[in-house]
C-alpha atoms as a PDB file:
ATOM      1  CA  MET A   1      76.134  65.752 108.609  1.00  0.00           C
ATOM      2  CA  PRO A   2      73.656  68.294 110.069  1.00  0.00           C
ATOM      3  CA  ARG A   3      71.449  69.991 107.513  1.00  0.00           C
ATOM      4  CA  HIS A   4      72.532  73.549 108.396  1.00  0.00           C
ATOM      5  CA  THR A   5      76.199  72.572 108.011  1.00  0.00           C
ATOM      6  CA  LEU A   6      75.504  71.077 104.578  1.00  0.00           C
ATOM      7  CA  ILE A   7      73.705  74.272 103.519  1.00  0.00           C
ATOM      8  CA  ARG A   8      76.667  76.393 104.639  1.00  0.00           C
ATOM      9  CA  LEU A   9      79.075  74.209 102.659  1.00  0.00           C
ATOM     10  CA  ILE A  10      76.922  74.409  99.530  1.00  0.00           C
ATOM     11  CA  LEU A  11      76.651  78.193  99.812  1.00  0.00           C
ATOM     12  CA  ALA A  12      80.403  78.487 100.368  1.00  0.00           C
ATOM     13  CA  GLY A  13      81.022  76.431  97.249  1.00  0.00           C
ATOM     14  CA  LEU A  14      78.671  78.593  95.195  1.00  0.00           C
ATOM     15  CA  PHE A  15      80.335  81.790  96.401  1.00  0.00           C
ATOM     16  CA  SER A  16      83.743  80.341  95.484  1.00  0.00           C
ATOM     17  CA  ILE A  17      82.580  79.462  91.974  1.00  0.00           C
ATOM     18  CA  LEU A  18      81.069  82.923  91.469  1.00  0.00           C
ATOM     19  CA  SER A  19      84.275  84.570  92.713  1.00  0.00           C
ATOM     20  CA  LEU A  20      86.374  82.572  90.268  1.00  0.00           C
ATOM     21  CA  GLN A  21      84.031  83.437  87.400  1.00  0.00           C
ATOM     22  CA  ASN A  22      84.123  87.146  88.256  1.00  0.00           C
ATOM     23  CA  ALA A  23      87.922  87.106  88.513  1.00  0.00           C
ATOM     24  CA  HIS A  24      88.184  85.396  85.132  1.00  0.00           C
ATOM     25  CA  ALA A  25      85.779  87.903  83.578  1.00  0.00           C
ATOM     26  CA  SER A  26      87.811  90.805  84.973  1.00  0.00           C
ATOM     27  CA  GLU A  27      91.004  89.348  83.534  1.00  0.00           C
ATOM     28  CA  ILE A  28      89.387  89.082  80.100  1.00  0.00           C
ATOM     29  CA  ASP A  29      88.140  92.660  80.373  1.00  0.00           C
ATOM     30  CA  THR A  30      91.569  94.000  81.316  1.00  0.00           C
ATOM     31  CA  HIS A  31      93.296  92.290  78.388  1.00  0.00           C
ATOM     32  CA  ALA A  32      90.654  93.529  75.949  1.00  0.00           C
ATOM     33  CA  LEU A  33      90.911  97.058  77.334  1.00  0.00           C
ATOM     34  CA  VAL A  34      94.707  97.121  77.036  1.00  0.00           C
ATOM     35  CA  ASP A  35      94.501  95.752  73.473  1.00  0.00           C
ATOM     36  CA  ALA A  36      91.951  98.431  72.588  1.00  0.00           C
ATOM     37  CA  ALA A  37      94.214 101.096  74.097  1.00  0.00           C
ATOM     38  CA  VAL A  38      97.055  99.986  71.810  1.00  0.00           C
ATOM     39  CA  LYS A  39      94.781 100.432  68.782  1.00  0.00           C
ATOM     40  CA  SER A  40      93.741 103.889  70.002  1.00  0.00           C
ATOM     41  CA  VAL A  41      97.358 105.032  70.423  1.00  0.00           C
ATOM     42  CA  ASP A  42      98.227 103.723  66.960  1.00  0.00           C
ATOM     43  CA  THR A  43      95.210 105.501  65.468  1.00  0.00           C
ATOM     44  CA  PHE A  44      96.009 108.825  67.132  1.00  0.00           C
ATOM     45  CA  ALA A  45      99.638 108.441  66.026  1.00  0.00           C
ATOM     46  CA  ILE A  46      98.743 108.405  62.323  1.00  0.00           C
ATOM     47  CA  ASP A  47      95.831 110.842  62.383  1.00  0.00           C
ATOM     48  CA  PRO A  48      96.897 114.020  60.511  1.00  0.00           C
ATOM     49  CA  ASP A  49      94.445 116.079  62.559  1.00  0.00           C
ATOM     50  CA  MET A  50      96.453 115.269  65.714  1.00  0.00           C
ATOM     51  CA  GLU A  51      99.420 117.328  64.532  1.00  0.00           C
ATOM     52  CA  TRP A  52      99.858 119.178  67.839  1.00  0.00           C
ATOM     53  CA  LEU A  53      99.844 115.912  69.768  1.00  0.00           C
ATOM     54  CA  HIS A  54     102.390 114.429  67.357  1.00  0.00           C
ATOM     55  CA  HIS A  55     104.774 117.331  68.018  1.00  0.00           C
ATOM     56  CA  ASN A  56     104.315 117.594  71.791  1.00  0.00           C
ATOM     57  CA  MET A  57     103.793 114.108  73.184  1.00  0.00           C
ATOM     58  CA  HIS A  58     107.437 114.052  74.328  1.00  0.00           C
ATOM     59  CA  ARG A  59     106.522 116.740  76.891  1.00  0.00           C
ATOM     60  CA  ALA A  60     103.885 114.534  78.540  1.00  0.00           C
ATOM     61  CA  ARG A  61     104.253 113.208  82.074  1.00  0.00           C
ATOM     62  CA  GLY A  62     101.452 110.688  81.583  1.00  0.00           C
ATOM     63  CA  ILE A  63      98.696 109.521  79.267  1.00  0.00           C
ATOM     64  CA  LEU A  64      95.190 108.227  79.988  1.00  0.00           C
ATOM     65  CA  ILE A  65      93.578 106.315  77.129  1.00  0.00           C
ATOM     66  CA  VAL A  66      89.819 105.683  77.028  1.00  0.00           C
ATOM     67  CA  PRO A  67      89.231 103.602  73.881  1.00  0.00           C
ATOM     68  CA  GLN A  68      85.457 103.930  74.054  1.00  0.00           C
ATOM     69  CA  LEU A  69      83.672 106.789  75.797  1.00  0.00           C
ATOM     70  CA  VAL A  70      79.926 106.202  75.503  1.00  0.00           C
ATOM     71  CA  LYS A  71      77.139 108.744  75.762  1.00  0.00           C
ATOM     72  CA  GLY A  72      74.271 107.380  77.835  1.00  0.00           C
ATOM     73  CA  GLY A  73      73.948 104.216  79.886  1.00  0.00           C
ATOM     74  CA  PHE A  74      76.560 105.114  82.499  1.00  0.00           C
ATOM     75  CA  ILE A  75      74.806 105.386  85.870  1.00  0.00           C
ATOM     76  CA  PHE A  76      71.435 107.044  85.288  1.00  0.00           C
ATOM     77  CA  GLY A  77      72.004 108.110  81.718  1.00  0.00           C
ATOM     78  CA  GLY A  78      75.307 109.918  82.080  1.00  0.00           C
ATOM     79  CA  SER A  79      78.363 109.050  80.036  1.00  0.00           C
ATOM     80  CA  GLY A  80      81.630 107.246  80.565  1.00  0.00           C
ATOM     81  CA  GLY A  81      84.014 104.414  79.863  1.00  0.00           C
ATOM     82  CA  SER A  82      87.038 102.556  81.156  1.00  0.00           C
ATOM     83  CA  GLY A  83      90.633 103.491  80.467  1.00  0.00           C
ATOM     84  CA  VAL A  84      94.270 102.945  81.330  1.00  0.00           C
ATOM     85  CA  LEU A  85      96.807 105.410  82.686  1.00  0.00           C
ATOM     86  CA  LEU A  86     100.573 105.248  82.091  1.00  0.00           C
ATOM     87  CA  SER A  87     103.164 107.613  83.555  1.00  0.00           C
ATOM     88  CA  LYS A  88     106.633 108.504  82.327  1.00  0.00           C
ATOM     89  CA  GLY A  89     109.503 107.864  84.716  1.00  0.00           C
ATOM     90  CA  GLU A  90     113.255 108.285  84.624  1.00  0.00           C
ATOM     91  CA  ASP A  91     115.024 107.795  81.284  1.00  0.00           C
ATOM     92  CA  ASN A  92     111.649 108.267  79.571  1.00  0.00           C
ATOM     93  CA  ILE A  93     110.524 104.768  80.609  1.00  0.00           C
ATOM     94  CA  TRP A  94     106.750 104.384  80.546  1.00  0.00           C
ATOM     95  CA  SER A  95     105.020 102.509  83.362  1.00  0.00           C
ATOM     96  CA  TYR A  96     102.662  99.581  83.152  1.00  0.00           C
ATOM     97  CA  PRO A  97      99.001 100.667  83.003  1.00  0.00           C
ATOM     98  CA  ALA A  98      96.663 101.340  85.906  1.00  0.00           C
ATOM     99  CA  PHE A  99      92.938 100.911  85.282  1.00  0.00           C
ATOM    100  CA  TYR A 100      90.360 103.655  85.729  1.00  0.00           C
ATOM    101  CA  THR A 101      86.699 104.355  85.076  1.00  0.00           C
ATOM    102  CA  MET A 102      85.752 107.752  83.697  1.00  0.00           C
ATOM    103  CA  GLY A 103      82.203 108.979  84.001  1.00  0.00           C
ATOM    104  CA  SER A 104      80.004 111.960  84.612  1.00  0.00           C
ATOM    105  CA  GLY A 105      76.678 113.324  83.581  1.00  0.00           C
ATOM    106  CA  THR A 106      78.518 116.531  82.665  1.00  0.00           C
ATOM    107  CA  ILE A 107      80.842 115.132  79.979  1.00  0.00           C
ATOM    108  CA  GLY A 108      80.027 117.316  77.018  1.00  0.00           C
ATOM    109  CA  PHE A 109      79.309 115.421  73.805  1.00  0.00           C
ATOM    110  CA  GLN A 110      78.822 117.458  70.649  1.00  0.00           C
ATOM    111  CA  ALA A 111      75.413 117.022  69.045  1.00  0.00           C
ATOM    112  CA  GLY A 112      75.177 113.746  67.193  1.00  0.00           C
ATOM    113  CA  VAL A 113      78.159 112.135  68.929  1.00  0.00           C
ATOM    114  CA  GLU A 114      77.402 108.924  70.812  1.00  0.00           C
ATOM    115  CA  VAL A 115      80.797 107.197  71.067  1.00  0.00           C
ATOM    116  CA  ALA A 116      84.300 108.676  71.135  1.00  0.00           C
ATOM    117  CA  GLU A 117      87.913 107.737  71.702  1.00  0.00           C
ATOM    118  CA  LEU A 118      89.520 109.969  74.310  1.00  0.00           C
ATOM    119  CA  VAL A 119      93.161 110.531  75.172  1.00  0.00           C
ATOM    120  CA  LEU A 120      94.172 112.718  78.102  1.00  0.00           C
ATOM    121  CA  ILE A 121      97.751 113.972  77.958  1.00  0.00           C
ATOM    122  CA  ILE A 122      99.019 114.801  81.448  1.00  0.00           C
ATOM    123  CA  MET A 123     101.495 117.632  81.007  1.00  0.00           C
ATOM    124  CA  THR A 124     102.580 118.256  84.599  1.00  0.00           C
ATOM    125  CA  ASP A 125     103.672 116.299  87.669  1.00  0.00           C
ATOM    126  CA  ARG A 126     100.790 117.961  89.523  1.00  0.00           C
ATOM    127  CA  GLY A 127      98.390 116.368  87.057  1.00  0.00           C
ATOM    128  CA  VAL A 128      99.925 112.921  87.605  1.00  0.00           C
ATOM    129  CA  ASP A 129      99.780 113.346  91.405  1.00  0.00           C
ATOM    130  CA  GLY A 130      96.094 114.234  91.193  1.00  0.00           C
ATOM    131  CA  LEU A 131      95.314 111.048  89.301  1.00  0.00           C
ATOM    132  CA  LEU A 132      96.961 108.906  91.984  1.00  0.00           C
ATOM    133  CA  THR A 133      93.971 109.449  94.283  1.00  0.00           C
ATOM    134  CA  SER A 134      91.137 106.924  94.363  1.00  0.00           C
ATOM    135  CA  SER A 135      88.657 109.416  92.900  1.00  0.00           C
ATOM    136  CA  PHE A 136      89.469 112.605  91.026  1.00  0.00           C
ATOM    137  CA  LYS A 137      87.419 115.309  89.307  1.00  0.00           C
ATOM    138  CA  LEU A 138      88.911 116.926  86.231  1.00  0.00           C
ATOM    139  CA  GLY A 139      89.037 120.703  86.394  1.00  0.00           C
ATOM    140  CA  GLY A 140      89.279 122.943  89.439  1.00  0.00           C
ATOM    141  CA  ASP A 141      92.711 122.737  91.054  1.00  0.00           C
ATOM    142  CA  ILE A 142      93.980 120.536  88.217  1.00  0.00           C
ATOM    143  CA  SER A 143      93.360 122.408  84.983  1.00  0.00           C
ATOM    144  CA  ILE A 144      92.156 120.676  81.824  1.00  0.00           C
ATOM    145  CA  ALA A 145      91.737 122.063  78.329  1.00  0.00           C
ATOM    146  CA  THR A 146      90.758 120.712  74.937  1.00  0.00           C
ATOM    147  CA  GLY A 147      93.899 119.988  72.951  1.00  0.00           C
ATOM    148  CA  PRO A 148      94.497 121.708  69.615  1.00  0.00           C
ATOM    149  CA  ILE A 149      93.170 119.620  66.738  1.00  0.00           C
ATOM    150  CA  GLY A 150      93.411 120.040  62.988  1.00  0.00           C
ATOM    151  CA  ALA A 151      95.924 120.913  60.333  1.00  0.00           C
ATOM    152  CA  GLY A 152      98.343 123.594  61.561  1.00  0.00           C
ATOM    153  CA  ALA A 153      97.313 123.030  65.183  1.00  0.00           C
ATOM    154  CA  LYS A 154     100.935 122.839  66.333  1.00  0.00           C
ATOM    155  CA  ALA A 155     101.065 126.608  65.896  1.00  0.00           C
ATOM    156  CA  GLN A 156      98.108 127.191  68.213  1.00  0.00           C
ATOM    157  CA  SER A 157      98.907 128.938  71.492  1.00  0.00           C
ATOM    158  CA  LEU A 158      98.741 126.961  74.709  1.00  0.00           C
ATOM    159  CA  ASP A 159     100.912 127.953  77.642  1.00  0.00           C
ATOM    160  CA  ILE A 160     102.607 124.568  78.019  1.00  0.00           C
ATOM    161  CA  GLN A 161     106.035 126.016  78.692  1.00  0.00           C
ATOM    162  CA  ASP A 162     104.734 127.763  81.821  1.00  0.00           C
ATOM    163  CA  LYS A 163     102.816 124.615  82.751  1.00  0.00           C
ATOM    164  CA  SER A 164      99.540 126.480  83.217  1.00  0.00           C
ATOM    165  CA  VAL A 165      97.652 123.574  81.658  1.00  0.00           C
ATOM    166  CA  ASP A 166      97.865 120.286  83.574  1.00  0.00           C
ATOM    167  CA  ILE A 167      95.876 118.024  81.250  1.00  0.00           C
ATOM    168  CA  LEU A 168      94.986 118.253  77.571  1.00  0.00           C
ATOM    169  CA  ALA A 169      92.076 116.247  76.161  1.00  0.00           C
ATOM    170  CA  PHE A 170      92.064 114.919  72.599  1.00  0.00           C
ATOM    171  CA  SER A 171      89.037 113.099  71.212  1.00  0.00           C
ATOM    172  CA  ARG A 172      88.182 111.257  68.008  1.00  0.00           C
ATOM    173  CA  THR A 173      84.681 110.526  66.828  1.00  0.00           C
ATOM    174  CA  LYS A 174      83.172 109.480  63.505  1.00  0.00           C
ATOM    175  CA  GLY A 175      83.660 112.528  61.325  1.00  0.00           C
ATOM    176  CA  ILE A 176      83.660 115.027  64.204  1.00  0.00           C
ATOM    177  CA  TYR A 177      86.802 116.164  66.003  1.00  0.00           C
ATOM    178  CA  GLY A 178      86.988 117.945  69.329  1.00  0.00           C
ATOM    179  CA  GLY A 179      83.435 116.793  70.026  1.00  0.00           C
ATOM    180  CA  VAL A 180      83.926 115.899  73.702  1.00  0.00           C
ATOM    181  CA  SER A 181      84.601 118.110  76.706  1.00  0.00           C
ATOM    182  CA  ALA A 182      86.024 116.174  79.672  1.00  0.00           C
ATOM    183  CA  GLU A 183      85.995 118.988  82.225  1.00  0.00           C
ATOM    184  CA  GLY A 184      83.983 117.960  85.264  1.00  0.00           C
ATOM    185  CA  ALA A 185      84.352 114.251  84.548  1.00  0.00           C
ATOM    186  CA  VAL A 186      85.208 111.985  87.472  1.00  0.00           C
ATOM    187  CA  LEU A 187      88.007 109.417  87.294  1.00  0.00           C
ATOM    188  CA  LYS A 188      87.937 106.478  89.694  1.00  0.00           C
ATOM    189  CA  VAL A 189      90.542 103.784  90.226  1.00  0.00           C
ATOM    190  CA  ARG A 190      89.388 100.273  89.249  1.00  0.00           C
ATOM    191  CA  GLU A 191      91.021  98.218  91.992  1.00  0.00           C
ATOM    192  CA  ASP A 192      89.252  95.079  90.800  1.00  0.00           C
ATOM    193  CA  LEU A 193      90.780  95.390  87.330  1.00  0.00           C
ATOM    194  CA  ASN A 194      94.211  96.248  88.734  1.00  0.00           C
ATOM    195  CA  ASN A 195      94.032  93.138  90.910  1.00  0.00           C
ATOM    196  CA  ALA A 196      92.846  90.946  88.038  1.00  0.00           C
ATOM    197  CA  TYR A 197      95.667  92.155  85.805  1.00  0.00           C
ATOM    198  CA  TYR A 198      98.549  92.077  88.293  1.00  0.00           C
ATOM    199  CA  GLY A 199      97.500  89.681  91.041  1.00  0.00           C
ATOM    200  CA  ASN A 200      95.137  89.329  93.958  1.00  0.00           C
ATOM    201  CA  ASP A 201      96.682  91.871  96.308  1.00  0.00           C
ATOM    202  CA  THR A 202      95.315  95.401  96.121  1.00  0.00           C
ATOM    203  CA  LYS A 203      97.441  97.426  93.723  1.00  0.00           C
ATOM    204  CA  SER A 204      97.280 101.187  94.154  1.00  0.00           C
ATOM    205  CA  PRO A 205      98.001 103.500  91.233  1.00  0.00           C
ATOM    206  CA  ARG A 206     101.199 104.636  92.983  1.00  0.00           C
ATOM    207  CA  THR A 207     102.423 101.028  93.185  1.00  0.00           C
ATOM    208  CA  ILE A 208     101.888 100.580  89.456  1.00  0.00           C
ATOM    209  CA  LEU A 209     102.730 104.014  88.063  1.00  0.00           C
ATOM    210  CA  ILE A 210     105.426 105.374  90.366  1.00  0.00           C
ATOM    211  CA  GLU A 211     107.011 102.530  92.324  1.00  0.00           C
ATOM    212  CA  HIS A 212     106.958 100.096  89.361  1.00  0.00           C
ATOM    213  CA  THR A 213     106.732  97.049  91.633  1.00  0.00           C
ATOM    214  CA  VAL A 214     104.349  95.096  89.381  1.00  0.00           C
ATOM    215  CA  SER A 215     104.392  94.135  85.733  1.00  0.00           C
ATOM    216  CA  ASN A 216     102.465  92.204  83.110  1.00  0.00           C
ATOM    217  CA  PRO A 217     104.143  91.375  79.773  1.00  0.00           C
ATOM    218  CA  HIS A 218     100.775  91.633  78.052  1.00  0.00           C
ATOM    219  CA  ALA A 219     101.014  95.436  78.386  1.00  0.00           C
ATOM    220  CA  ASP A 220     104.435  95.720  76.712  1.00  0.00           C
ATOM    221  CA  PRO A 221     102.935  96.506  73.262  1.00  0.00           C
ATOM    222  CA  LEU A 222     100.982  99.380  74.848  1.00  0.00           C
ATOM    223  CA  ARG A 223     104.077 100.749  76.570  1.00  0.00           C
ATOM    224  CA  GLU A 224     106.009 100.470  73.322  1.00  0.00           C
ATOM    225  CA  ALA A 225     103.269 102.249  71.338  1.00  0.00           C
ATOM    226  CA  VAL A 226     103.192 105.150  73.813  1.00  0.00           C
ATOM    227  CA  ALA A 227     107.002 105.340  73.958  1.00  0.00           C
ATOM    228  CA  HIS A 228     107.201 105.342  70.164  1.00  0.00           C
ATOM    229  CA  LEU A 229     104.692 108.199  69.908  1.00  0.00           C
ATOM    230  CA  ALA A 230     106.630 110.217  72.499  1.00  0.00           C
ATOM    231  CA  GLU A 231     110.008 109.552  70.897  1.00  0.00           C
ATOM    232  CA  LYS A 232     108.712 110.401  67.429  1.00  0.00           C
ATOM    233  CA  SER A 233     107.304 113.737  68.648  1.00  0.00           C
ATOM    234  CA  GLY A 234     110.678 114.764  70.095  1.00  0.00           C
ATOM    235  CA  LEU A 235     112.477 114.484  66.731  1.00  0.00           C
END
């Protein structure tokens, strides 16, 4: 066998091994992220300071869960984390999750906060449509506001009935609530994670969230946790 042919075969084999390792790593990451999202939903569901969320989740058209939003270390010292987005369809059925990365040097962390859990409640169809794009900046045409937090927050005034607020952001940190401002943050679709979780073909957010043509039983506990929170808030 000619030497250059042997070299090509060896390189091809190495690339194949690396591809398999990366795919396996992505699959592990997706499962861990979904599991972490379940814990975040459960934590928000029992937090007494999330009273407004508990009473209004049934109005939501979608929910984006970022279990760990980290200050620093995200592309030149910004901030960010990975999350999953679910949308509500007909008969209040929640979709399987699509994977996103959230990051920006402009995410506002309150002094002393380094890590936070973040939940974005998408209140309008316009907000869901905006998140279906490959890259999306919060704020501007799609409005975002910090959700009411604290005891008695359900009485706070936000014009949800008129749908003037597209997305509400709720954050939890160690001992500090409302310590993160997400306006200006950029959300990007993680096609690699979507592919690792659902299969090798490219899965767009619309395929997962709207058309419901893919599924993964591993995400059923997450869908059930979100559905339970929404159903409980409507009582």
